[in-house]
Amino acid sequence: MKKAVVIGGGVAGLAVAHRLLSRAAGTVQVTLVEASDRLGGWVKSDFVEGHGLMECGPRSLRSVGSGLETLELIAELGIVDQIIPATQKSKVRYLYTGGKRQALPSSIATALSNPFTLPLATGILLEPFQNRRLESISDESLASFFSRRFGPFYANTLL
C-alpha cells in the first residue's frame, strides 16, 4: 500500500486527502497533518451574540469559474443541506473589530460617513512619501508593510 502525507487541514488539504482516498480507495494510506486543534483552515463561522453568524475567513467557497467543482464536492460529501445561501443582506460587508460590527463602505455615499475612509484616504495620499523598506531587511511581514505604508490603523484593524 502506498502512503501519502497531506500537510494542512484547510480546505485545500482536506480536498486533496478526500480525492486521494476516493480515487485510490484501498491502495493508499493518507495521513493528514494539521497544526491547529481544528480542521478548516481559514474557513470558520462563529455565532456572535447580538451580531449573528460571522464568517472569520474567506467570504465564500467558490472555485474559479462557475464553482461546479466545489458544489460537486459538497454533494459527494453529503453536506448539501448545510449550505447557507447568501441573502440580499449579505451585500453589505462588515468588519468585526473592537467588539463591534462596522459596515464597510459599499458606495461613494456610504464611504463619506464611514470611519474607515479617512485613514485609508490619508494612507493612500501619503503613500508615495512613505519610507521604502530598508535594504538591510530581506523579508518584511504584512503587518510591518501596512504600518509603514498606510499607517498602523489598517495594520491593527485588518490584519
Protein backbone atom coordinates (compact mmCIF):
# COMPACT_ATOMS: atom_id res chain seq x y z
CA MET A 1 0.00 0.00 0.00
CA LYS A 2 1.27 3.47 -0.89
CA LYS A 3 1.45 6.17 1.75
CA ALA A 4 0.71 9.89 1.37
CA VAL A 5 1.04 12.72 3.83
CA VAL A 6 -1.14 15.80 3.37
CA ILE A 7 0.17 18.81 5.25
CA GLY A 8 -2.55 21.21 6.35
CA GLY A 9 -6.19 20.61 7.21
CA GLY A 10 -7.55 23.67 5.44
CA VAL A 11 -9.95 23.39 2.52
CA ALA A 12 -7.19 22.53 0.04
CA GLY A 13 -5.63 19.87 2.29
CA LEU A 14 -8.99 18.30 3.08
CA ALA A 15 -9.93 18.24 -0.62
CA VAL A 16 -6.61 16.59 -1.56
CA ALA A 17 -7.00 13.97 1.18
CA HIS A 18 -10.57 13.28 0.07
CA ARG A 19 -9.56 12.92 -3.58
CA LEU A 20 -6.71 10.56 -2.73
CA LEU A 21 -8.98 8.38 -0.64
CA SER A 22 -11.87 8.38 -3.11
CA ARG A 23 -9.84 7.80 -6.28
CA ALA A 24 -7.32 5.34 -4.87
CA ALA A 25 -9.54 3.59 -2.32
CA GLY A 26 -7.74 0.71 -0.66
CA THR A 27 -4.40 1.43 -2.37
CA VAL A 28 -3.23 4.46 -0.40
CA GLN A 29 -2.95 5.28 3.28
CA VAL A 30 -3.44 9.02 3.83
CA THR A 31 -2.15 10.85 6.89
CA LEU A 32 -3.40 14.40 7.38
CA VAL A 33 -1.19 16.68 9.49
CA GLU A 34 -2.73 19.84 10.94
CA ALA A 35 -1.02 22.21 13.40
CA SER A 36 -4.16 23.66 14.98
CA ASP A 37 -6.82 21.94 17.08
CA ARG A 38 -9.46 22.19 14.32
CA LEU A 39 -9.80 21.48 10.63
CA GLY A 40 -10.92 24.02 8.05
CA GLY A 41 -8.03 26.47 7.98
CA TRP A 42 -9.28 29.98 7.30
CA VAL A 43 -12.84 28.75 6.80
CA LYS A 44 -14.64 29.28 10.08
CA SER A 45 -18.01 30.59 11.16
CA ASP A 46 -18.85 31.80 14.67
CA PHE A 47 -22.12 32.88 16.17
CA VAL A 48 -21.53 36.18 17.98
CA GLU A 49 -24.28 37.10 20.41
CA GLY A 50 -26.13 40.18 19.20
CA HIS A 51 -24.46 40.07 15.78
CA GLY A 52 -25.40 36.69 14.34
CA LEU A 53 -23.32 34.39 12.18
CA MET A 54 -19.90 35.85 11.46
CA GLU A 55 -17.52 34.49 8.83
CA CYS A 56 -13.95 34.52 10.08
CA GLY A 57 -12.29 33.60 6.82
CA PRO A 58 -12.95 33.84 3.11
CA ARG A 59 -16.27 35.28 2.11
CA SER A 60 -17.21 32.20 0.11
CA LEU A 61 -16.08 28.80 -1.04
CA ARG A 62 -16.21 29.25 -4.76
CA SER A 63 -13.64 27.99 -7.16
CA VAL A 64 -12.57 29.81 -10.32
CA GLY A 65 -15.37 29.89 -12.86
CA SER A 66 -18.82 28.57 -12.07
CA GLY A 67 -17.93 26.84 -8.81
CA LEU A 68 -19.23 23.50 -10.08
CA GLU A 69 -16.26 21.55 -8.70
CA THR A 70 -16.95 22.91 -5.23
CA LEU A 71 -20.65 22.07 -5.48
CA GLU A 72 -19.84 18.56 -6.73
CA LEU A 73 -17.53 18.01 -3.77
CA ILE A 74 -20.19 19.28 -1.36
CA ALA A 75 -22.72 16.86 -2.89
CA GLU A 76 -20.21 14.00 -2.80
CA LEU A 77 -19.60 14.67 0.91
CA GLY A 78 -23.36 14.69 1.57
CA ILE A 79 -23.43 18.14 3.14
CA VAL A 80 -25.64 20.00 0.66
CA ASP A 81 -28.19 20.58 3.44
CA GLN A 82 -25.55 22.56 5.37
CA ILE A 83 -25.09 25.23 2.68
CA ILE A 84 -26.14 28.66 3.88
CA PRO A 85 -27.07 30.67 0.78
CA ALA A 86 -26.28 34.37 0.62
CA THR A 87 -29.20 36.74 1.05
CA GLN A 88 -29.72 40.32 -0.08
CA LYS A 89 -28.44 41.46 3.34
CA SER A 90 -25.07 39.86 2.60
CA LYS A 91 -24.31 42.54 0.01
CA VAL A 92 -23.35 44.80 2.91
CA ARG A 93 -19.95 43.64 4.20
CA TYR A 94 -18.99 44.10 7.82
CA LEU A 95 -15.77 44.05 9.74
CA TYR A 96 -15.96 42.88 13.34
CA THR A 97 -13.39 44.91 15.21
CA GLY A 98 -13.11 46.35 18.68
CA GLY A 99 -16.02 44.20 19.87
CA LYS A 100 -18.50 45.66 17.41
CA ARG A 101 -19.67 45.19 13.84
CA GLN A 102 -18.81 48.01 11.44
CA ALA A 103 -20.26 48.23 7.92
CA LEU A 104 -17.67 48.66 5.19
CA PRO A 105 -18.37 51.30 2.56
CA SER A 106 -20.17 49.93 -0.48
CA SER A 107 -20.62 53.17 -2.42
CA ILE A 108 -19.29 56.71 -2.54
CA ALA A 109 -22.23 57.87 -0.43
CA THR A 110 -21.55 55.36 2.37
CA ALA A 111 -17.80 55.97 2.14
CA LEU A 112 -18.23 59.64 3.08
CA SER A 113 -19.55 58.78 6.54
CA ASN A 114 -17.56 55.60 7.16
CA PRO A 115 -14.83 55.60 9.85
CA PHE A 116 -12.53 53.52 7.62
CA THR A 117 -12.48 56.08 4.80
CA LEU A 118 -10.41 58.89 6.31
CA PRO A 119 -7.48 56.70 7.45
CA LEU A 120 -7.50 54.89 4.09
CA ALA A 121 -7.63 58.11 2.06
CA THR A 122 -4.86 59.61 4.20
CA GLY A 123 -2.75 56.47 3.82
CA ILE A 124 -3.22 56.37 0.05
CA LEU A 125 -2.44 60.08 -0.41
CA LEU A 126 0.68 59.89 1.78
CA GLU A 127 1.84 56.50 0.48
CA PRO A 128 4.23 57.85 -2.20
CA PHE A 129 6.05 59.81 0.51
CA GLN A 130 6.43 56.91 2.96
CA ASN A 131 9.77 55.30 3.66
CA ARG A 132 10.75 52.42 1.44
CA ARG A 133 11.81 49.16 3.03
CA LEU A 134 15.39 49.30 4.25
CA GLU A 135 17.87 47.40 2.12
CA SER A 136 19.08 45.60 5.25
CA ILE A 137 15.64 43.97 5.70
CA SER A 138 15.48 40.90 3.50
CA ASP A 139 11.91 39.98 4.46
CA GLU A 140 9.04 42.03 5.83
CA SER A 141 5.82 40.99 7.49
CA LEU A 142 2.48 42.09 6.08
CA ALA A 143 1.77 43.98 9.32
CA SER A 144 5.06 45.87 9.05
CA PHE A 145 4.38 46.73 5.39
CA PHE A 146 0.85 48.03 6.09
CA SER A 147 2.02 50.01 9.13
CA ARG A 148 4.86 51.60 7.22
CA ARG A 149 2.93 52.32 4.02
CA PHE A 150 -0.64 53.09 5.18
CA GLY A 151 -0.33 53.65 8.93
CA PRO A 152 -0.91 51.43 11.94
CA PHE A 153 -4.73 51.81 11.79
CA TYR A 154 -5.08 49.34 8.91
CA ALA A 155 -2.36 47.01 10.14
CA ASN A 156 -4.09 46.73 13.52
CA THR A 157 -7.65 46.66 12.18
CA LEU A 158 -7.47 44.49 9.09
CA LEU A 159 -4.62 42.09 9.77
